């Protein structure tokens, strides 16, 4: 597998009469696309954002997306899916522009069977807007399907194929904008759950506040920096304090050390996620679907989403959830939880392409 960050792929699509299977996760922070290129799995991963500017020569509007947009236009860059969905017409238009630009730059075949991993959120308007973005994109001429993100993300965690589709199990998606959970019975959703009270974005805010407190107010970091600290340094296995340097307003620099300012918010997140899953989601699942509840807790729980990438978090979640439920549970993750939804969507797309 290869990661492509904002670099257009120069190869062409597979030479076959069968449409190209494509898996897509349009995420609040990052978008991931997965497809085969010349027999090798290609993974495209970029920030879900764009910036526009006027060409100084022609005066026409130019569009930048992903990391380049965030770095070159940090003051005007638009993250149009901050809540997980395009909330209004303006954000839907931005999402469509971003996605079209990404598809064109990465040479995604139009004659493709595309499966989208979409969030499980009770937001009808937002889901309708996302559907418009999906159906209006130039790809997916052979087929377009959507499946729950938590199901798609569980597929790589549960096996090398589509074993998850044939199981009764629980999936928990630790995303940036929502904590989602659902039980699946042969692909059927049971008691889908979503809350915006426990999120990766909230962890970023708490890290920023904790760093300010830990440095006695001398250091203020933005949420992007807090997210980068979390992604690069957070670990329940081998966390070590680290140093960074900021420029002082009047000149010079200030070196500071981050210690508990990073891991305390992450530790608090795990406790809150366990509480939501045990006392809200699983209790509702037991009340409405007792037999599937009993079967599911006897199987591994699939943990997906960006927060699941933190080393050791699956093990911590397993220990704390077992203690909360007073029974042993097993938690599994994909090798790359942040890519798992697109990978699972791609595997489903392969199966769909075979039937066309």
Protein backbone atom coordinates (compact mmCIF):
# COMPACT_ATOMS: atom_id res chain seq x y z
CA UNK A 1 0.00 0.00 0.00
CA UNK A 2 1.20 3.51 -0.73
CA UNK A 3 0.02 6.82 0.67
CA UNK A 4 -0.30 9.70 -1.78
CA UNK A 5 -0.55 13.14 -0.14
CA UNK A 6 -1.64 15.72 -2.70
CA UNK A 7 0.63 14.34 -5.44
CA UNK A 8 -1.18 13.44 -8.64
CA UNK A 9 -0.71 9.86 -9.77
CA UNK A 10 0.77 9.68 -13.25
CA UNK A 11 -0.40 6.16 -14.09
CA UNK A 12 -3.65 5.25 -15.76
CA UNK A 13 -6.58 3.20 -14.52
CA UNK A 14 -6.60 -0.57 -14.80
CA UNK A 15 -6.98 -1.82 -18.39
CA UNK A 16 -10.10 -3.91 -18.02
CA UNK A 17 -13.67 -4.05 -19.20
CA UNK A 18 -14.68 -4.17 -15.54
CA UNK A 19 -15.21 -0.75 -13.95
CA UNK A 20 -12.54 0.37 -11.50
CA UNK A 21 -13.58 -0.23 -7.86
CA UNK A 22 -13.05 2.88 -5.72
CA UNK A 23 -13.52 3.35 -1.97
CA UNK A 24 -14.05 6.87 -0.63
CA UNK A 25 -14.21 8.38 2.84
CA UNK A 26 -15.02 12.11 2.77
CA UNK A 27 -13.93 12.96 6.29
CA UNK A 28 -14.30 16.05 8.43
CA UNK A 29 -10.51 16.39 8.69
CA UNK A 30 -9.14 14.10 5.98
CA UNK A 31 -10.45 12.47 2.85
CA UNK A 32 -9.17 9.03 1.84
CA UNK A 33 -9.59 7.36 -1.56
CA UNK A 34 -8.45 3.83 -2.34
CA UNK A 35 -8.23 2.06 -5.71
CA UNK A 36 -6.00 -0.27 -7.72
CA UNK A 37 -3.39 1.22 -10.04
CA UNK A 38 -1.58 -1.25 -12.29
CA UNK A 39 -2.33 -4.06 -9.87
CA UNK A 40 -1.16 -2.19 -6.76
CA UNK A 41 -3.36 -0.64 -4.09
CA UNK A 42 -3.06 3.15 -4.12
CA UNK A 43 -4.23 5.16 -1.13
CA UNK A 44 -4.80 8.90 -1.53
CA UNK A 45 -5.01 10.78 1.77
CA UNK A 46 -5.43 14.53 2.05
CA UNK A 47 -6.92 17.23 4.25
CA UNK A 48 -10.59 17.94 3.46
CA UNK A 49 -10.16 21.62 2.72
CA UNK A 50 -9.70 24.08 -0.11
CA UNK A 51 -8.66 27.64 -0.78
CA UNK A 52 -9.23 29.82 -3.83
CA UNK A 53 -7.31 32.73 -5.30
CA UNK A 54 -7.36 34.81 -8.47
CA UNK A 55 -4.72 34.03 -11.07
CA UNK A 56 -2.54 37.17 -11.25
CA UNK A 57 -2.30 36.95 -15.05
CA UNK A 58 -5.72 35.79 -16.23
CA UNK A 59 -7.83 36.85 -13.25
CA UNK A 60 -9.58 33.48 -13.24
CA UNK A 61 -10.29 31.63 -10.01
CA UNK A 62 -7.73 28.99 -9.07
CA UNK A 63 -8.39 26.23 -6.54
CA UNK A 64 -5.98 24.61 -4.11
CA UNK A 65 -6.93 21.67 -1.92
CA UNK A 66 -5.53 19.63 0.95
CA UNK A 67 -2.19 20.25 2.62
CA UNK A 68 -1.12 22.86 0.07
CA UNK A 69 -4.27 24.93 0.71
CA UNK A 70 -3.86 24.68 4.50
CA UNK A 71 -0.20 25.69 4.39
CA UNK A 72 -0.35 28.50 1.83
CA UNK A 73 -3.71 30.03 2.83
CA UNK A 74 -4.14 29.27 6.56
CA UNK A 75 -6.19 32.44 7.06
CA UNK A 76 -8.82 31.66 4.41
CA UNK A 77 -8.75 27.88 3.96
CA UNK A 78 -12.17 26.22 4.22
CA UNK A 79 -12.79 22.93 6.04
CA UNK A 80 -16.32 22.45 4.76
CA UNK A 81 -17.13 19.18 6.57
CA UNK A 82 -16.19 20.18 10.12
CA UNK A 83 -19.38 18.62 11.50
CA UNK A 84 -18.94 15.50 9.36
CA UNK A 85 -21.46 16.65 6.74
CA UNK A 86 -22.01 19.73 4.53
CA UNK A 87 -24.49 21.62 6.69
CA UNK A 88 -25.84 24.05 4.10
CA UNK A 89 -25.82 24.85 0.39
CA UNK A 90 -22.62 26.90 0.66
CA UNK A 91 -20.68 24.09 2.32
CA UNK A 92 -22.15 21.56 -0.12
CA UNK A 93 -20.90 23.70 -3.01
CA UNK A 94 -17.43 23.90 -1.43
CA UNK A 95 -17.41 20.15 -0.82
CA UNK A 96 -18.32 19.49 -4.45
CA UNK A 97 -15.58 21.84 -5.64
CA UNK A 98 -13.02 20.19 -3.34
CA UNK A 99 -13.99 16.67 -4.38
CA UNK A 100 -14.00 17.49 -8.11
CA UNK A 101 -10.57 19.11 -7.83
CA UNK A 102 -9.22 16.10 -5.93
CA UNK A 103 -10.65 13.63 -8.45
CA UNK A 104 -9.19 15.54 -11.39
CA UNK A 105 -5.76 15.99 -9.79
CA UNK A 106 -5.52 12.32 -8.80
CA UNK A 107 -6.88 10.98 -12.12
CA UNK A 108 -9.66 8.87 -10.60
CA UNK A 109 -11.42 6.98 -13.43
CA UNK A 110 -14.91 8.16 -14.24
CA UNK A 111 -15.90 4.64 -15.33
CA UNK A 112 -15.78 3.34 -11.80
CA UNK A 113 -17.87 1.55 -9.19
CA UNK A 114 -17.63 3.80 -6.14
CA UNK A 115 -18.53 2.98 -2.58
CA UNK A 116 -18.70 5.84 -0.07
CA UNK A 117 -18.25 5.36 3.67
CA UNK A 118 -20.68 7.84 5.23
CA UNK A 119 -21.22 8.83 8.87
CA UNK A 120 -24.12 7.56 10.96
CA UNK A 121 -25.54 10.93 11.97
CA UNK A 122 -29.17 11.93 12.48
CA UNK A 123 -28.91 14.95 10.20
CA UNK A 124 -31.24 14.62 7.23
CA UNK A 125 -30.30 17.93 5.59
CA UNK A 126 -26.59 17.23 5.89
CA UNK A 127 -26.97 13.72 4.49
CA UNK A 128 -29.01 15.07 1.56
CA UNK A 129 -26.26 17.59 0.85
CA UNK A 130 -23.63 14.85 0.96
CA UNK A 131 -25.73 12.75 -1.41
CA UNK A 132 -25.81 15.65 -3.86
CA UNK A 133 -22.02 15.97 -3.68
CA UNK A 134 -21.61 12.24 -4.26
CA UNK A 135 -24.10 11.95 -7.11
CA UNK A 136 -22.82 15.11 -8.78
CA UNK A 137 -19.19 14.00 -8.87
CA UNK A 138 -17.69 12.86 -12.20
CA UNK A 139 -16.78 9.38 -10.89
CA UNK A 140 -19.07 6.41 -10.28
CA UNK A 141 -20.54 6.14 -13.77
CA UNK A 142 -20.82 2.35 -13.37
CA UNK A 143 -22.27 2.32 -9.84
CA UNK A 144 -22.55 4.44 -6.70
CA UNK A 145 -23.29 2.96 -3.30
CA UNK A 146 -23.06 4.24 0.27
CA UNK A 147 -22.45 2.18 3.40
CA UNK A 148 -22.07 3.22 7.06
CA UNK A 149 -18.58 4.41 7.89
CA UNK A 150 -18.41 2.21 10.99
CA UNK A 151 -19.21 -0.89 8.91
CA UNK A 152 -16.65 -0.03 6.23
CA UNK A 153 -14.01 0.71 8.87
CA UNK A 154 -14.67 -2.62 10.58
CA UNK A 155 -14.05 -4.73 7.48
CA UNK A 156 -10.21 -4.50 7.57
CA UNK A 157 -10.26 -4.98 11.34
CA UNK A 158 -12.28 -8.21 11.11
CA UNK A 159 -10.40 -10.04 8.35
CA UNK A 160 -8.74 -10.01 4.96
CA UNK A 161 -11.99 -10.08 2.99
CA UNK A 162 -15.61 -9.19 3.74
CA UNK A 163 -15.98 -11.44 6.79
CA UNK A 164 -17.55 -8.59 8.77
CA UNK A 165 -20.61 -8.64 6.50
CA UNK A 166 -21.42 -12.16 7.69
CA UNK A 167 -20.94 -11.47 11.41
CA UNK A 168 -22.94 -10.14 14.35
CA UNK A 169 -20.63 -7.63 16.02
CA UNK A 170 -20.25 -4.12 17.44
CA UNK A 171 -18.33 -1.32 15.73
CA UNK A 172 -17.17 1.89 17.41
CA UNK A 173 -15.94 4.80 15.30
CA UNK A 174 -13.71 7.31 17.12
CA UNK A 175 -13.92 10.24 14.72
CA UNK A 176 -12.99 13.90 14.82
CA UNK A 177 -16.55 15.19 14.97
CA UNK A 178 -18.56 12.32 16.47
CA UNK A 179 -18.29 9.15 18.49
CA UNK A 180 -20.35 6.58 16.60
CA UNK A 181 -21.33 3.03 17.46
CA UNK A 182 -23.54 0.40 15.91
CA UNK A 183 -24.23 -3.30 16.10
CA UNK A 184 -24.28 -5.12 12.77
CA UNK A 185 -26.19 -8.31 12.00
CA UNK A 186 -25.07 -9.52 8.57
CA UNK A 187 -24.70 -5.91 7.47
CA UNK A 188 -27.98 -4.74 9.03
CA UNK A 189 -27.66 -1.79 11.42
CA UNK A 190 -28.97 -2.31 14.94
CA UNK A 191 -29.32 0.59 17.42
CA UNK A 192 -27.07 3.10 15.59
CA UNK A 193 -25.64 5.64 18.03
CA UNK A 194 -23.87 8.96 17.54
CA UNK A 195 -22.82 11.74 19.89
CA UNK A 196 -20.93 14.97 19.39
CA UNK A 197 -20.12 15.17 23.11
CA UNK A 198 -16.99 12.99 22.84
CA UNK A 199 -14.86 13.84 19.82
CA UNK A 200 -11.31 14.04 18.57
CA UNK A 201 -11.82 17.74 17.91
CA UNK A 202 -12.69 18.30 21.57
CA UNK A 203 -9.46 16.53 22.52
CA UNK A 204 -7.59 19.03 20.35
CA UNK A 205 -9.23 21.94 22.20
CA UNK A 206 -8.37 20.42 25.55
CA UNK A 207 -4.76 19.88 24.50
CA UNK A 208 -4.48 23.54 23.49
CA UNK A 209 -5.90 24.62 26.86
CA UNK A 210 -3.74 22.16 28.78
CA UNK A 211 -0.54 23.32 27.06
CA UNK A 212 -1.40 26.92 27.95
CA UNK A 213 -1.97 25.89 31.57
CA UNK A 214 1.14 23.70 31.69
CA UNK A 215 3.31 26.58 30.44
CA UNK A 216 1.62 29.02 32.85
CA UNK A 217 0.08 30.99 30.01
CA UNK A 218 3.30 31.57 28.09
CA UNK A 219 2.32 29.38 25.16
CA UNK A 220 -0.88 29.45 23.12
CA UNK A 221 -1.19 26.90 20.33
CA UNK A 222 -3.91 26.69 17.69
CA UNK A 223 -6.09 23.64 17.12
CA UNK A 224 -4.10 22.53 14.09
CA UNK A 225 -0.93 22.39 16.19
CA UNK A 226 -2.79 20.58 18.96
CA UNK A 227 -3.99 17.97 16.45
CA UNK A 228 -0.45 17.55 15.14
CA UNK A 229 0.87 17.04 18.68
CA UNK A 230 -1.81 14.39 19.24
CA UNK A 231 -1.13 12.57 15.98
CA UNK A 232 2.66 12.63 16.36
CA UNK A 233 3.20 12.15 20.09
CA UNK A 234 0.16 10.72 21.89
CA UNK A 235 0.71 7.13 23.03
CA UNK A 236 -0.48 4.88 25.85
CA UNK A 237 2.51 2.64 25.16
CA UNK A 238 5.63 4.79 25.22
CA UNK A 239 4.70 8.46 25.57
CA UNK A 240 7.61 10.75 26.33
CA UNK A 241 7.49 14.51 27.02
CA UNK A 242 8.62 16.53 24.02
CA UNK A 243 9.78 20.06 23.34
CA UNK A 244 8.77 22.65 20.79
CA UNK A 245 9.74 26.24 20.04
CA UNK A 246 7.59 29.30 19.40
CA UNK A 247 8.59 32.74 18.20
CA UNK A 248 8.10 35.57 20.67
CA UNK A 249 6.06 38.59 19.49
CA UNK A 250 8.96 40.97 20.09
CA UNK A 251 11.59 38.70 18.57
CA UNK A 252 13.49 35.72 19.83
CA UNK A 253 12.10 32.29 20.60
CA UNK A 254 10.78 30.34 23.57
CA UNK A 255 11.35 26.61 24.03
CA UNK A 256 8.77 24.69 26.06
CA UNK A 257 8.05 21.11 27.07
CA UNK A 258 4.71 19.32 26.75
CA UNK A 259 4.13 16.62 29.35
CA UNK A 260 0.72 15.80 30.81
CA UNK A 261 -0.79 18.57 28.69
CA UNK A 262 -1.09 16.04 25.89
CA UNK A 263 -1.94 12.73 27.53
CA UNK A 264 -4.37 13.98 30.18
CA UNK A 265 -6.94 15.09 27.53
CA UNK A 266 -6.47 11.82 25.62
CA UNK A 267 -6.90 9.78 28.82
CA UNK A 268 -10.04 11.74 29.65
CA UNK A 269 -11.36 11.05 26.14
CA UNK A 270 -11.07 7.29 26.64
CA UNK A 271 -12.96 7.45 29.95
CA UNK A 272 -15.75 9.50 28.38
CA UNK A 273 -15.96 7.25 25.31
CA UNK A 274 -16.21 4.14 27.51
CA UNK A 275 -18.96 5.78 29.55
CA UNK A 276 -20.98 6.69 26.41
CA UNK A 277 -20.59 3.24 24.88
CA UNK A 278 -21.32 1.26 28.05
CA UNK A 279 -24.12 3.32 29.54
CA UNK A 280 -25.86 4.70 26.47
CA UNK A 281 -25.18 2.65 23.36
CA UNK A 282 -24.78 -0.86 24.81
CA UNK A 283 -27.59 -0.42 27.31
CA UNK A 284 -29.93 0.60 24.47
CA UNK A 285 -28.73 -2.31 22.35
CA UNK A 286 -29.42 -4.73 25.22
CA UNK A 287 -32.91 -3.29 25.73
CA UNK A 288 -33.91 -3.50 22.07
CA UNK A 289 -31.91 -6.45 20.72
CA UNK A 290 -30.91 -8.71 23.62
CA UNK A 291 -29.86 -11.78 21.61
CA UNK A 292 -27.69 -9.83 19.12
CA UNK A 293 -26.25 -7.92 22.11
CA UNK A 294 -25.18 -11.17 23.74
CA UNK A 295 -23.76 -12.52 20.49
CA UNK A 296 -21.92 -9.30 19.67
CA UNK A 297 -20.15 -9.02 23.03
CA UNK A 298 -18.87 -12.54 22.53
CA UNK A 299 -17.12 -11.36 19.35
CA UNK A 300 -14.33 -8.78 18.97
CA UNK A 301 -15.44 -5.13 19.00
CA UNK A 302 -14.04 -3.24 16.00
CA UNK A 303 -12.52 0.15 16.83
CA UNK A 304 -12.12 2.55 13.89
CA UNK A 305 -11.49 6.24 13.18
CA UNK A 306 -8.62 8.66 13.61
CA UNK A 307 -8.46 8.52 17.41
CA UNK A 308 -8.02 4.73 17.18
CA UNK A 309 -4.59 5.37 15.63
CA UNK A 310 -3.13 6.39 19.00
CA UNK A 311 -0.80 3.56 20.09
CA UNK A 312 -2.29 1.54 22.94
CA UNK A 313 -5.71 3.18 22.87
CA UNK A 314 -7.45 -0.05 21.79
CA UNK A 315 -5.93 -1.91 24.71
CA UNK A 316 -6.89 0.89 27.12
CA UNK A 317 -10.42 0.93 25.76
CA UNK A 318 -10.65 -2.85 26.12
CA UNK A 319 -9.52 -2.82 29.76
CA UNK A 320 -11.76 0.06 30.79
CA UNK A 321 -14.84 -1.19 28.93
CA UNK A 322 -14.36 -4.66 30.44
CA UNK A 323 -14.24 -3.09 33.90
CA UNK A 324 -17.32 -0.95 33.22
CA UNK A 325 -19.32 -3.95 31.97
CA UNK A 326 -17.90 -6.38 34.57
CA UNK A 327 -17.15 -8.84 31.78
CA UNK A 328 -14.25 -9.44 29.44
CA UNK A 329 -14.50 -7.91 25.98
CA UNK A 330 -12.02 -7.97 23.10
CA UNK A 331 -11.23 -4.92 20.97
CA UNK A 332 -9.57 -5.11 17.53
CA UNK A 333 -8.43 -2.47 15.05
CA UNK A 334 -7.19 -2.38 11.48
CA UNK A 335 -3.49 -1.81 10.89
CA UNK A 336 -4.37 1.77 9.87
CA UNK A 337 -7.68 2.77 11.50
CA UNK A 338 -7.56 6.16 9.78
CA UNK A 339 -7.57 4.46 6.36
CA UNK A 340 -9.88 1.58 7.30
CA UNK A 341 -13.17 3.12 6.14
CA UNK A 342 -11.86 3.75 2.62
CA UNK A 343 -10.22 0.31 2.57
CA UNK A 344 -13.45 -1.41 3.58
CA UNK A 345 -15.40 0.65 1.05
CA UNK A 346 -12.93 -0.40 -1.64
CA UNK A 347 -13.40 -4.09 -0.81
CA UNK A 348 -17.18 -3.68 -1.10
CA UNK A 349 -16.68 -1.82 -4.40
CA UNK A 350 -14.64 -4.74 -5.71
CA UNK A 351 -17.51 -7.12 -4.94
CA UNK A 352 -20.03 -4.78 -6.59
CA UNK A 353 -17.86 -4.36 -9.70
CA UNK A 354 -17.77 -8.13 -10.11
CA UNK A 355 -21.57 -8.21 -10.39
CA UNK A 356 -21.89 -5.48 -13.03
